[in-house]
Amino acid sequence: MNSIALEFPLPALNFLFSVPSNDPLQSDGPLLPVFEQVLREFRTRRIPKQLQLTLVLPADVYQPEMLAEVQSAWLRAIDNQIEVETARLGDLRFSRRRHLLKGVTILASALALGQLVANYETGFFRTLAESLIIGGWVAVWVPLERVFYTGWPIGREIDILNCLKDCDLQLKPSI
């Protein structure tokens, strides 16, 4: 079974989703919100089937009754991020179709023109015909690359967010 337990120290609860000060001279807390630290942690490793995430708060800040509020905020933040990533994926799909249509149009035009020019028997026209065919395939290369490869990182980000949504989130005081 693939399960992971992680602990993240928080100087205060407001470091969960934002950083009060990005200036390292003004604050001794993290310069990246804990939410972003958790996302960064899973961008480089396998997504676990089960995740237990423990946020360690200073003893003077910790209150057992704040768990429900933190879990609710956690789920809202993740749901919002999933909506953003899903919208990005939808925009990307539309863009990929548009670019693929342009590439295929250029390819079809280049192939037709290449066939037309290839009917002439001189070396120049044969070279021109071959160049048009090669140019048409080059024009469709980037759209095909976008279709096959650009959606994977966004899909992975959505998978990470779904894992974080299902995680067992706990709070505990520092000792």
Protein backbone atom coordinates (compact mmCIF):
# COMPACT_ATOMS: atom_id res chain seq x y z
CA MET A 1 0.00 0.00 0.00
CA ASN A 2 1.36 3.38 -1.01
CA SER A 3 0.84 5.75 1.93
CA ILE A 4 2.81 8.73 3.16
CA ALA A 5 2.72 10.75 6.37
CA LEU A 6 4.14 14.28 6.23
CA GLU A 7 4.55 17.00 8.82
CA PHE A 8 4.88 20.69 8.09
CA PRO A 9 5.66 23.22 10.80
CA LEU A 10 3.68 26.46 10.76
CA PRO A 11 4.86 29.53 12.69
CA ALA A 12 1.23 30.70 12.62
CA LEU A 13 -1.97 29.59 10.92
CA ASN A 14 -1.80 32.41 8.38
CA PHE A 15 1.26 30.73 6.80
CA LEU A 16 -0.95 27.94 5.46
CA PHE A 17 -2.17 29.71 2.29
CA SER A 18 -0.11 32.89 2.16
CA VAL A 19 3.06 34.39 3.50
CA PRO A 20 2.58 37.52 5.61
CA SER A 21 5.95 38.89 4.48
CA ASN A 22 8.14 37.71 1.63
CA ASP A 23 11.03 39.63 3.13
CA PRO A 24 13.39 37.22 4.95
CA LEU A 25 14.64 40.12 7.10
CA GLN A 26 11.16 40.84 8.49
CA SER A 27 9.98 37.31 9.21
CA ASP A 28 11.60 34.07 10.31
CA GLY A 29 8.77 31.99 8.81
CA PRO A 30 8.78 30.19 5.46
CA LEU A 31 8.93 32.29 2.30
CA LEU A 32 6.50 29.94 0.55
CA PRO A 33 3.02 29.10 1.87
CA VAL A 34 2.72 25.58 3.28
CA PHE A 35 0.03 24.80 0.70
CA GLU A 36 2.58 25.51 -2.06
CA GLN A 37 5.28 23.53 -0.20
CA VAL A 38 2.99 20.49 -0.13
CA LEU A 39 2.23 20.86 -3.87
CA ARG A 40 5.95 21.19 -4.60
CA GLU A 41 6.65 18.06 -2.55
CA PHE A 42 4.37 15.93 -4.73
CA ARG A 43 5.42 17.38 -8.08
CA THR A 44 8.66 15.42 -7.78
CA ARG A 45 7.39 12.13 -6.36
CA ARG A 46 4.72 9.52 -6.94
CA ILE A 47 1.24 10.41 -5.81
CA PRO A 48 0.36 8.24 -2.80
CA LYS A 49 -2.91 6.37 -2.43
CA GLN A 50 -3.21 7.58 1.15
CA LEU A 51 -1.75 10.72 2.63
CA GLN A 52 -1.67 11.88 6.21
CA LEU A 53 -0.72 15.52 6.47
CA THR A 54 0.03 16.98 9.89
CA LEU A 55 0.41 20.71 10.41
CA VAL A 56 2.43 21.54 13.51
CA LEU A 57 1.41 24.83 15.14
CA PRO A 58 3.10 26.63 18.02
CA ALA A 59 1.65 25.49 21.34
CA ASP A 60 0.31 28.98 22.16
CA VAL A 61 -1.57 29.16 18.83
CA TYR A 62 -2.92 25.59 18.70
CA GLN A 63 -6.55 24.98 19.65
CA PRO A 64 -8.22 21.59 19.04
CA GLU A 65 -11.46 23.20 17.82
CA MET A 66 -9.71 24.95 14.90
CA LEU A 67 -9.31 21.65 13.01
CA ALA A 68 -12.75 21.79 11.36
CA GLU A 69 -12.17 25.36 10.17
CA VAL A 70 -8.73 24.50 8.78
CA GLN A 71 -10.08 21.40 7.01
CA SER A 72 -12.89 23.45 5.48
CA ALA A 73 -10.46 26.12 4.27
CA TRP A 74 -8.15 23.39 2.94
CA LEU A 75 -10.96 21.84 0.88
CA ARG A 76 -12.10 25.24 -0.44
CA ALA A 77 -8.56 26.14 -1.51
CA ILE A 78 -8.09 22.79 -3.25
CA ASP A 79 -11.49 22.96 -4.97
CA ASN A 80 -10.63 26.45 -6.21
CA GLN A 81 -7.25 25.29 -7.53
CA ILE A 82 -8.88 22.28 -9.24
CA GLU A 83 -11.32 24.65 -10.98
CA VAL A 84 -8.42 26.84 -12.14
CA GLU A 85 -6.44 23.87 -13.48
CA THR A 86 -9.52 22.36 -15.16
CA ALA A 87 -10.20 25.69 -16.89
CA ARG A 88 -6.55 25.80 -18.02
CA LEU A 89 -6.91 22.30 -19.42
CA GLY A 90 -10.10 23.29 -21.27
CA ASP A 91 -8.39 26.35 -22.74
CA LEU A 92 -5.44 24.20 -23.75
CA ARG A 93 -7.71 21.67 -25.48
CA PHE A 94 -9.37 24.43 -27.48
CA SER A 95 -5.98 25.93 -28.38
CA ARG A 96 -4.60 22.52 -29.40
CA ARG A 97 -7.52 21.91 -31.76
CA ARG A 98 -7.11 25.34 -33.34
CA HIS A 99 -3.36 24.89 -33.86
CA LEU A 100 -3.85 21.37 -35.19
CA LEU A 101 -6.41 22.62 -37.71
CA LYS A 102 -3.95 25.29 -38.89
CA GLY A 103 -1.13 22.75 -39.15
CA VAL A 104 -3.20 20.23 -41.07
CA THR A 105 -4.41 22.98 -43.43
CA ILE A 106 -0.83 24.02 -44.15
CA LEU A 107 0.17 20.36 -44.60
CA ALA A 108 -2.68 19.68 -47.04
CA SER A 109 -1.86 22.84 -49.01
CA ALA A 110 1.84 21.99 -49.13
CA LEU A 111 1.13 18.41 -50.26
CA ALA A 112 -1.27 19.57 -52.99
CA LEU A 113 1.12 22.26 -54.21
CA GLY A 114 4.00 19.76 -54.05
CA GLN A 115 2.07 17.33 -56.24
CA LEU A 116 1.26 20.09 -58.70
CA VAL A 117 4.88 21.25 -58.90
CA ALA A 118 6.21 17.65 -59.09
CA ASN A 119 4.62 17.23 -62.53
CA TYR A 120 7.37 19.37 -64.04
CA GLU A 121 10.45 17.39 -65.02
CA THR A 122 13.22 19.83 -64.11
CA GLY A 123 15.43 19.38 -61.06
CA PHE A 124 14.44 22.74 -59.64
CA PHE A 125 10.73 21.87 -59.54
CA ARG A 126 11.40 18.42 -58.07
CA THR A 127 13.48 20.07 -55.31
CA LEU A 128 10.73 22.62 -54.75
CA ALA A 129 8.10 19.86 -54.53
CA GLU A 130 10.14 17.92 -51.96
CA SER A 131 10.77 21.12 -49.99
CA LEU A 132 7.04 21.85 -49.90
CA ILE A 133 6.29 18.35 -48.62
CA ILE A 134 8.94 18.61 -45.90
CA GLY A 135 7.74 22.12 -44.98
CA GLY A 136 4.16 20.88 -44.66
CA TRP A 137 5.18 18.13 -42.25
CA VAL A 138 7.27 20.59 -40.26
CA ALA A 139 4.25 22.90 -40.02
CA VAL A 140 2.20 20.12 -38.41
CA TRP A 141 4.98 19.08 -35.99
CA VAL A 142 4.34 21.65 -33.23
CA PRO A 143 0.54 21.20 -33.24
CA LEU A 144 0.98 17.43 -32.93
CA GLU A 145 3.47 17.93 -30.12
CA ARG A 146 0.94 20.13 -28.31
CA VAL A 147 -1.80 17.52 -28.76
CA PHE A 148 0.30 14.69 -27.37
CA TYR A 149 2.39 16.31 -24.62
CA THR A 150 1.15 19.64 -23.24
CA GLY A 151 -1.84 18.41 -21.22
CA TRP A 152 0.05 15.91 -19.05
CA PRO A 153 1.50 18.38 -16.49
CA ILE A 154 -1.90 19.96 -15.91
CA GLY A 155 -3.52 16.55 -15.53
CA ARG A 156 -0.84 15.57 -13.02
CA GLU A 157 -1.45 18.77 -11.06
CA ILE A 158 -5.16 17.91 -10.90
CA ASP A 159 -4.27 14.40 -9.68
CA ILE A 160 -2.05 15.88 -6.95
CA LEU A 161 -4.82 18.24 -5.89
CA ASN A 162 -7.32 15.37 -5.73
CA CYS A 163 -4.88 13.44 -3.54
CA LEU A 164 -4.54 16.46 -1.24
CA LYS A 165 -8.32 16.81 -1.17
CA ASP A 166 -8.66 13.24 0.10
CA CYS A 167 -5.80 13.47 2.61
CA ASP A 168 -6.17 13.03 6.35
CA LEU A 169 -5.39 16.56 7.58
CA GLN A 170 -4.41 16.87 11.25
CA LEU A 171 -3.26 19.66 13.52
CA LYS A 172 -0.97 19.24 16.49
CA PRO A 173 0.89 21.55 18.84
CA SER A 174 4.65 21.80 18.75
CA ILE A 175 6.45 20.50 21.78
